[in-house]
Amino acid sequence: MGGEGESRDTVRGPILPYFLTHIYGTLLGVKTTVEIPDALFTDVKRYASANGLTFRQVIETSLRQKLEQERSAKAKPFRLRKASFKGKGLQPGLDWPAIRSLIYEGRGG
């Protein structure tokens, strides 16, 4: 199986079982071990079963929702920029009907 000087990798491919987990900078999947309290594990399994989901789907969805909540909480709240004009506000002798008539003056309305 291969000549002298050839490494095992060139004959059979990589030795590590993770050779397909990383392609073009994107992880395809990572397996990890997480300790979960027994009561929580049971609750998640029960919830997943009742809703036709896998344990993995419930965990993944929950983690994504939590991260999105954190991002949203840290996002700056919307602030309308100040776009007012300098002046003294509504001038004496002008009310809203008068202003409206001035706006549409000469426009046929």
Protein backbone atom coordinates (compact mmCIF):
# COMPACT_ATOMS: atom_id res chain seq x y z
CA MET A 1 0.00 0.00 0.00
CA GLY A 2 2.13 2.86 -1.22
CA GLY A 3 5.82 3.01 -1.63
CA GLU A 4 8.50 3.79 0.81
CA GLY A 5 8.49 7.39 1.98
CA GLU A 6 4.75 7.88 1.41
CA SER A 7 2.91 8.92 4.52
CA ARG A 8 -0.34 7.36 5.59
CA ASP A 9 -2.14 10.65 4.80
CA THR A 10 -1.25 10.55 1.12
CA VAL A 11 -2.43 6.97 0.76
CA ARG A 12 -5.71 6.98 2.73
CA GLY A 13 -6.38 10.64 3.38
CA PRO A 14 -6.15 12.43 6.69
CA ILE A 15 -5.81 10.44 9.88
CA LEU A 16 -7.95 12.84 11.90
CA PRO A 17 -11.69 12.17 11.83
CA TYR A 18 -12.33 15.90 11.51
CA PHE A 19 -11.06 16.33 7.96
CA LEU A 20 -14.49 17.41 6.66
CA THR A 21 -15.49 19.73 9.49
CA HIS A 22 -13.80 22.75 7.99
CA ILE A 23 -14.20 23.76 4.36
CA TYR A 24 -13.42 27.23 3.06
CA GLY A 25 -13.49 28.76 6.51
CA THR A 26 -16.98 27.49 7.38
CA LEU A 27 -17.58 24.90 10.05
CA LEU A 28 -19.95 22.16 8.92
CA GLY A 29 -20.66 20.93 12.39
CA VAL A 30 -19.05 20.60 15.77
CA LYS A 31 -19.79 17.97 18.33
CA THR A 32 -19.23 18.91 21.91
CA THR A 33 -20.17 17.77 25.38
CA VAL A 34 -22.26 20.00 27.60
CA GLU A 35 -23.34 19.18 31.12
CA ILE A 36 -27.06 19.80 31.65
CA PRO A 37 -28.85 19.25 34.95
CA ASP A 38 -31.03 16.11 34.86
CA ALA A 39 -34.26 18.01 35.50
CA LEU A 40 -33.57 20.44 32.64
CA PHE A 41 -32.62 17.58 30.31
CA THR A 42 -35.88 15.83 31.10
CA ASP A 43 -37.89 19.01 30.53
CA VAL A 44 -36.21 19.65 27.18
CA LYS A 45 -36.74 16.05 26.04
CA ARG A 46 -40.41 16.24 27.05
CA TYR A 47 -40.85 19.59 25.26
CA ALA A 48 -39.13 18.31 22.11
CA SER A 49 -41.26 15.17 22.04
CA ALA A 50 -44.50 17.09 22.59
CA ASN A 51 -43.67 19.49 19.74
CA GLY A 52 -42.29 16.99 17.24
CA LEU A 53 -38.75 18.31 17.50
CA THR A 54 -35.41 16.76 18.22
CA PHE A 55 -33.45 17.57 21.34
CA ARG A 56 -30.82 19.15 19.10
CA GLN A 57 -33.40 21.43 17.40
CA VAL A 58 -34.67 22.71 20.74
CA ILE A 59 -31.16 23.41 22.02
CA GLU A 60 -30.03 25.08 18.78
CA THR A 61 -33.15 27.25 18.52
CA SER A 62 -32.90 28.25 22.18
CA LEU A 63 -29.26 29.25 21.85
CA ARG A 64 -29.94 31.29 18.70
CA GLN A 65 -32.86 33.10 20.39
CA LYS A 66 -30.75 33.91 23.44
CA LEU A 67 -27.93 35.31 21.32
CA GLU A 68 -30.39 37.42 19.30
CA GLN A 69 -31.92 38.79 22.52
CA GLU A 70 -28.46 39.76 23.74
CA ARG A 71 -27.64 41.48 20.44
CA SER A 72 -30.95 43.36 20.49
CA ALA A 73 -30.46 44.46 24.09
CA LYS A 74 -27.01 45.86 23.28
CA ALA A 75 -28.17 47.66 20.13
CA LYS A 76 -28.47 51.41 20.47
CA PRO A 77 -32.06 52.59 20.66
CA PHE A 78 -33.33 54.61 17.72
CA ARG A 79 -32.98 58.34 18.16
CA LEU A 80 -34.57 60.78 15.76
CA ARG A 81 -32.06 63.43 14.77
CA LYS A 82 -32.88 67.00 15.65
CA ALA A 83 -34.32 68.66 12.55
CA SER A 84 -36.14 71.66 13.92
CA PHE A 85 -35.89 75.19 12.55
CA LYS A 86 -34.84 78.18 14.52
CA GLY A 87 -37.69 80.52 15.19
CA LYS A 88 -40.32 81.46 17.66
CA GLY A 89 -42.94 78.87 16.81
CA LEU A 90 -46.43 79.72 15.68
CA GLN A 91 -46.71 83.47 15.08
CA PRO A 92 -49.58 85.55 16.47
CA GLY A 93 -52.46 85.91 14.06
CA LEU A 94 -51.82 82.55 12.37
CA ASP A 95 -53.76 79.45 13.20
CA TRP A 96 -53.66 76.07 11.46
CA PRO A 97 -56.47 76.83 8.95
CA ALA A 98 -54.64 80.03 7.97
CA ILE A 99 -51.35 78.16 7.59
CA ARG A 100 -53.06 75.50 5.48
CA SER A 101 -54.52 78.13 3.15
CA LEU A 102 -51.07 79.76 2.78
CA ILE A 103 -49.50 76.39 1.92
CA TYR A 104 -52.02 75.67 -0.84
CA GLU A 105 -52.25 79.26 -2.10
CA GLY A 106 -52.01 79.36 -5.89
CA ARG A 107 -52.32 75.57 -6.27
CA GLY A 108 -55.98 75.46 -7.14
CA GLY A 109 -57.10 74.07 -3.85
